[in-house]
Protein backbone atom coordinates (compact mmCIF):
# COMPACT_ATOMS: atom_id res chain seq x y z
CA MET A 1 19.73 104.51 160.94
CA ARG A 2 23.25 105.33 161.63
CA GLY A 3 23.96 107.83 164.45
CA ASN A 4 21.84 109.24 167.59
CA ARG A 5 19.88 111.85 165.71
CA VAL A 6 18.30 112.57 162.13
CA VAL A 7 17.24 115.22 160.16
CA VAL A 8 14.16 115.29 158.53
CA GLY A 9 14.00 117.21 155.00
CA VAL A 10 10.39 118.17 153.27
CA PHE A 11 10.58 118.80 149.67
CA SER A 12 7.81 119.96 147.14
CA TYR A 13 8.98 119.08 143.85
CA MET A 14 10.91 115.37 142.87
CA ASP A 15 14.03 117.11 141.34
CA ASP A 16 15.20 118.43 144.74
CA THR A 17 14.72 115.18 146.64
CA ILE A 18 16.64 113.11 143.93
CA ALA A 19 19.24 116.44 144.66
CA ALA A 20 18.99 115.84 148.20
CA ILE A 21 19.81 111.97 148.07
CA ASN A 22 22.39 112.26 145.89
CA ALA A 23 24.13 114.99 148.11
CA ALA A 24 23.43 112.84 151.56
CA LYS A 25 24.97 110.03 149.71
CA GLU A 26 27.96 111.59 148.38
CA ALA A 27 28.78 112.52 152.09
CA ASP A 28 28.19 108.71 153.02
CA TYR A 29 25.10 109.59 155.27
CA ASP A 30 22.45 107.08 155.86
CA VAL A 31 19.08 107.89 153.86
CA LYS A 32 15.61 107.34 153.73
CA VAL A 33 13.04 108.48 151.74
CA TYR A 34 9.18 108.95 152.10
CA SER A 35 7.64 109.68 149.07
CA PRO A 36 3.56 110.09 148.32
CA VAL A 37 4.15 108.42 144.84
CA PRO A 38 6.33 105.44 143.65
CA ASN A 39 8.98 106.75 140.97
CA HIS A 40 11.70 105.32 139.36
CA ALA A 41 14.25 107.75 139.81
CA LEU A 42 13.49 107.83 143.25
CA GLU A 43 14.35 104.13 143.18
CA GLU A 44 17.52 104.36 141.27
CA ALA A 45 18.33 107.52 143.56
CA THR A 46 18.48 105.36 147.03
CA SER A 47 19.26 101.97 145.89
CA HIS A 48 22.71 100.89 146.88
CA THR A 49 23.08 97.35 145.85
CA ARG A 50 20.80 94.24 144.38
CA SER A 51 18.55 92.37 147.08
CA PRO A 52 20.31 89.16 148.66
CA ILE A 53 16.88 88.02 148.62
CA ARG A 54 17.38 85.87 145.77
CA ILE A 55 20.52 84.25 147.28
CA ILE A 56 18.58 82.94 150.25
CA SER A 57 15.11 82.07 148.38
CA LEU A 58 18.39 79.71 146.30
CA ILE A 59 19.73 78.77 149.56
CA GLY A 60 15.81 77.53 151.08
CA ALA A 61 15.15 75.82 147.39
CA MET A 62 18.45 74.25 147.95
CA THR A 63 17.73 73.77 151.27
CA GLY A 64 14.13 71.74 150.30
CA LEU A 65 15.91 69.37 147.99
CA THR A 66 18.14 68.08 149.86
CA ALA A 67 16.23 67.76 152.70
CA GLY A 68 13.26 66.51 150.54
CA PHE A 69 15.11 63.66 148.85
CA ALA A 70 16.67 62.46 152.32
CA LEU A 71 13.49 62.39 154.06
CA ALA A 72 12.13 59.87 150.88
CA ILE A 73 15.18 58.35 151.07
CA LEU A 74 15.83 57.38 155.10
CA CYS A 75 11.81 56.89 154.95
CA SER A 76 12.44 54.03 152.64
CA LEU A 77 15.45 52.82 154.05
CA ASP A 78 13.65 52.86 157.36
CA TRP A 79 10.69 50.75 156.15
CA PRO A 80 11.91 48.84 152.75
CA ILE A 81 9.08 47.25 150.96
CA ARG A 82 10.37 45.84 147.34
CA VAL A 83 8.57 46.05 144.61
CA SER A 84 9.38 43.86 141.38
CA ALA A 85 13.12 43.33 142.17
CA LYS A 86 13.90 47.17 142.35
CA ASP A 87 15.94 48.42 144.30
CA ILE A 88 14.95 50.28 147.72
CA VAL A 89 16.47 53.82 147.30
CA THR A 90 15.66 54.62 143.21
CA PRO A 91 15.51 58.53 142.57
CA PRO A 92 12.65 58.67 140.20
CA ALA A 93 10.71 57.84 142.79
CA PHE A 94 11.69 60.66 145.03
CA PHE A 95 11.29 63.60 142.55
CA VAL A 96 8.17 64.79 143.67
CA VAL A 97 8.85 65.08 146.92
CA GLY A 98 11.92 66.57 146.45
CA TYR A 99 10.47 68.84 143.84
CA GLU A 100 7.57 69.84 146.94
CA CYS A 101 9.77 70.28 149.30
CA THR A 102 11.97 72.80 147.22
CA ILE A 103 9.20 74.94 146.61
CA LEU A 104 7.98 74.57 150.08
CA PHE A 105 11.80 75.72 151.92
CA GLY A 106 12.33 78.07 149.03
CA ALA A 107 8.73 79.80 149.60
CA ILE A 108 9.51 79.96 153.56
CA PHE A 109 12.57 81.48 152.98
CA THR A 110 11.46 83.90 150.69
CA LEU A 111 8.80 85.20 153.23
CA MET A 112 10.97 85.33 155.87
CA ALA A 113 14.04 87.12 154.10
CA MET A 114 11.67 89.66 152.97
CA LEU A 115 10.29 90.03 156.75
CA HIS A 116 13.66 90.63 158.20
CA PHE A 117 15.05 93.01 154.81
CA SER A 118 11.80 94.85 155.62
CA ARG A 119 12.70 95.42 158.79
CA VAL A 120 8.56 94.17 159.78
CA PRO A 121 9.22 94.26 163.32
CA ASP A 122 10.03 98.22 163.08
CA LEU A 123 6.47 98.39 161.24
CA PHE A 124 4.99 100.70 163.53
CA ARG A 125 8.06 103.13 164.53
CA LYS A 126 9.11 105.30 161.70
CA VAL A 127 12.07 107.51 162.13
CA GLY A 128 11.48 110.78 160.48
CA TYR A 129 8.00 110.15 159.27
CA ASP A 130 5.62 113.30 158.65
CA PRO A 131 1.77 112.71 157.49
CA ARG A 132 2.66 114.89 154.59
CA PHE A 133 4.65 112.37 152.95
CA THR A 134 1.81 110.27 151.69
CA ARG A 135 -0.40 113.59 150.71
CA ASP A 136 1.74 115.99 148.61
CA LYS A 137 5.42 116.42 149.74
CA PHE A 138 8.61 114.07 149.81
CA GLY A 139 10.96 113.23 152.63
CA VAL A 140 14.28 112.68 153.50
CA VAL A 141 15.33 111.42 156.54
CA VAL A 142 19.59 111.57 157.09
CA GLY A 143 20.92 109.68 159.61
CA CYS A 144 24.12 111.69 161.71
CA GLU A 145 25.69 111.79 164.68
CA SER A 146 25.31 115.19 166.40
CA GLU A 147 28.06 117.19 165.46
CA GLN A 148 26.95 116.82 161.73
CA ILE A 149 23.40 118.09 162.59
CA GLU A 150 24.38 121.71 160.75
CA ASP A 151 26.12 120.24 157.44
CA VAL A 152 23.36 118.21 156.79
CA LYS A 153 20.81 121.21 157.39
CA LYS A 154 22.73 123.29 155.39
CA LYS A 155 23.26 120.72 152.32
CA LEU A 156 18.85 119.84 152.25
CA LEU A 157 18.88 123.55 152.92
CA ASP A 158 21.45 124.37 149.35
CA VAL A 159 19.50 121.66 147.44
CA GLY A 160 15.89 123.17 147.11
CA ALA A 161 13.97 121.92 150.72
CA ASP A 162 11.03 123.64 151.94
CA GLU A 163 11.75 123.23 155.63
CA VAL A 164 14.18 121.37 157.93
CA GLU A 165 13.92 119.77 161.27
CA VAL A 166 16.09 117.45 163.74
CA LYS A 167 15.23 114.95 165.37
CA ASP A 168 15.81 111.91 167.67
CA GLY A 169 17.02 108.76 166.02
CA LEU A 170 16.99 106.51 168.62
């Protein structure tokens, strides 16, 4: 999260949570949300842009297709075997290898992108997490600088936070 501090707002109602998310986004703060249940309204309020994972999957698939064809062609050129007067490099024979490498590289690139963008290395360090967020409360964690703490606290309390606390973001 941006900033060296985080302000954690605890909410009982989803409408108040969405209002807090919108208020923090309008002020250009970094926001993270914890919810006891999945909800489309929260997802729409927190989403900024579309995920780049699909582009990375396409890049992986194209890399796999190129690698598969290159592997098959280079192996054919390295060990040429003439079969019934056909050319050494015949693309229809390499479609299966190209297809399989497309699937393999696309899946590997997708998995690596998902791990990268979900920040799996920080899996055990959840900034601002409170166990109540998995039972019955909603949490909005706003990253900010030390001089912005009072402004963020006021915004969260104005939209209906049950309680607000400040924690170190690092």
